[in-house]
Amino acid sequence: MGKRWVDQSNNHYCLKLGNDHLGDARIIEFDASGAHSALLIAGRHCRGRKADVFENGHPLCSVVSDPADGFWVIMPPVAQSVAAISR
């Protein structure tokens, strides 16, 4: 068996879901070439739930999908929102 080639340009992403009426707290981690992949993964695993998205350990945003209509609400991470208000 040969070595597995790994794209070094990938970033590490983490989706953190809290306890809610749809399920238990959960953490989903994966490597991807861009943040768009976080929405694809969230679409498969987080339908109707809020997920905090981290890129390489740093908060990127929070996302919530509408379970019926399939649209996304994308919000800045809490720390960025507070910083923007205090300016």
Protein backbone atom coordinates (compact mmCIF):
# COMPACT_ATOMS: atom_id res chain seq x y z
CA MET A 1 0.00 0.00 0.00
CA GLY A 2 1.28 3.46 -0.91
CA LYS A 3 1.25 6.60 1.17
CA ARG A 4 -1.94 8.60 1.28
CA TRP A 5 -1.53 12.02 -0.29
CA VAL A 6 -2.77 14.84 1.94
CA ASP A 7 -3.48 18.32 0.61
CA GLN A 8 -1.53 20.62 2.93
CA SER A 9 -3.71 23.60 1.97
CA ASN A 10 -6.68 22.17 3.87
CA ASN A 11 -7.95 23.79 7.04
CA HIS A 12 -9.36 22.02 10.08
CA TYR A 13 -13.04 22.73 10.78
CA CYS A 14 -15.19 21.96 13.77
CA LEU A 15 -18.98 22.19 14.07
CA LYS A 16 -20.21 22.37 17.66
CA LEU A 17 -23.87 21.70 18.36
CA GLY A 18 -25.42 22.19 21.77
CA ASN A 19 -28.17 20.22 23.49
CA ASP A 20 -31.53 21.17 22.07
CA HIS A 21 -34.95 19.67 21.39
CA LEU A 22 -33.57 18.03 18.22
CA GLY A 23 -30.63 16.20 19.77
CA ASP A 24 -27.70 15.97 22.11
CA ALA A 25 -24.53 18.05 22.07
CA ARG A 26 -22.23 16.94 19.28
CA ILE A 27 -18.89 17.90 17.77
CA ILE A 28 -18.13 17.20 14.11
CA GLU A 29 -14.53 17.68 12.96
CA PHE A 30 -13.16 17.50 9.42
CA ASP A 31 -10.51 18.90 7.11
CA ALA A 32 -11.53 20.81 3.99
CA SER A 33 -10.17 23.27 1.44
CA GLY A 34 -12.67 26.00 2.34
CA ALA A 35 -15.38 27.17 4.70
CA HIS A 36 -18.08 26.34 2.12
CA SER A 37 -17.53 22.72 3.13
CA ALA A 38 -18.78 23.56 6.64
CA LEU A 39 -22.19 24.39 5.16
CA LEU A 40 -22.23 21.16 3.18
CA ILE A 41 -21.38 19.10 6.28
CA ALA A 42 -23.83 21.07 8.43
CA GLY A 43 -26.52 20.51 5.81
CA ARG A 44 -26.09 16.76 6.18
CA HIS A 45 -25.75 16.57 9.97
CA CYS A 46 -27.28 19.68 11.56
CA ARG A 47 -30.60 20.27 9.80
CA GLY A 48 -32.74 22.60 11.89
CA ARG A 49 -30.05 23.05 14.56
CA LYS A 50 -27.61 25.83 15.39
CA ALA A 51 -23.92 25.04 14.91
CA ASP A 52 -20.91 27.11 15.92
CA VAL A 53 -18.26 26.83 13.20
CA PHE A 54 -14.51 26.95 13.97
CA GLU A 55 -11.69 27.15 11.43
CA ASN A 56 -8.26 26.03 12.68
CA GLY A 57 -9.48 26.49 16.25
CA HIS A 58 -10.78 30.05 15.75
CA PRO A 59 -14.50 30.96 15.77
CA LEU A 60 -15.66 31.56 12.21
CA CYS A 61 -19.44 31.93 12.48
CA SER A 62 -22.65 30.35 13.70
CA VAL A 63 -25.14 28.81 11.30
CA VAL A 64 -28.76 27.77 11.61
CA SER A 65 -30.67 25.98 8.90
CA ASP A 66 -34.41 26.06 8.47
CA PRO A 67 -35.54 22.41 8.46
CA ALA A 68 -38.51 23.01 6.13
CA ASP A 69 -37.24 25.58 3.62
CA GLY A 70 -33.55 24.69 3.62
CA PHE A 71 -32.23 28.25 3.82
CA TRP A 72 -29.33 29.26 6.09
CA VAL A 73 -28.90 32.07 8.57
CA ILE A 74 -25.19 32.83 8.99
CA MET A 75 -24.11 34.95 11.96
CA PRO A 76 -20.69 36.22 13.04
CA PRO A 77 -19.21 34.55 16.11
CA VAL A 78 -20.30 36.09 19.42
CA ALA A 79 -16.87 37.63 20.13
CA GLN A 80 -16.90 39.48 16.79
CA SER A 81 -20.47 40.68 17.29
CA VAL A 82 -19.64 42.18 20.69
CA ALA A 83 -16.47 43.81 19.31
CA ALA A 84 -18.42 45.40 16.44
CA ILE A 85 -21.01 46.85 18.82
CA SER A 86 -18.40 48.34 21.16
CA ARG A 87 -16.64 50.30 18.39
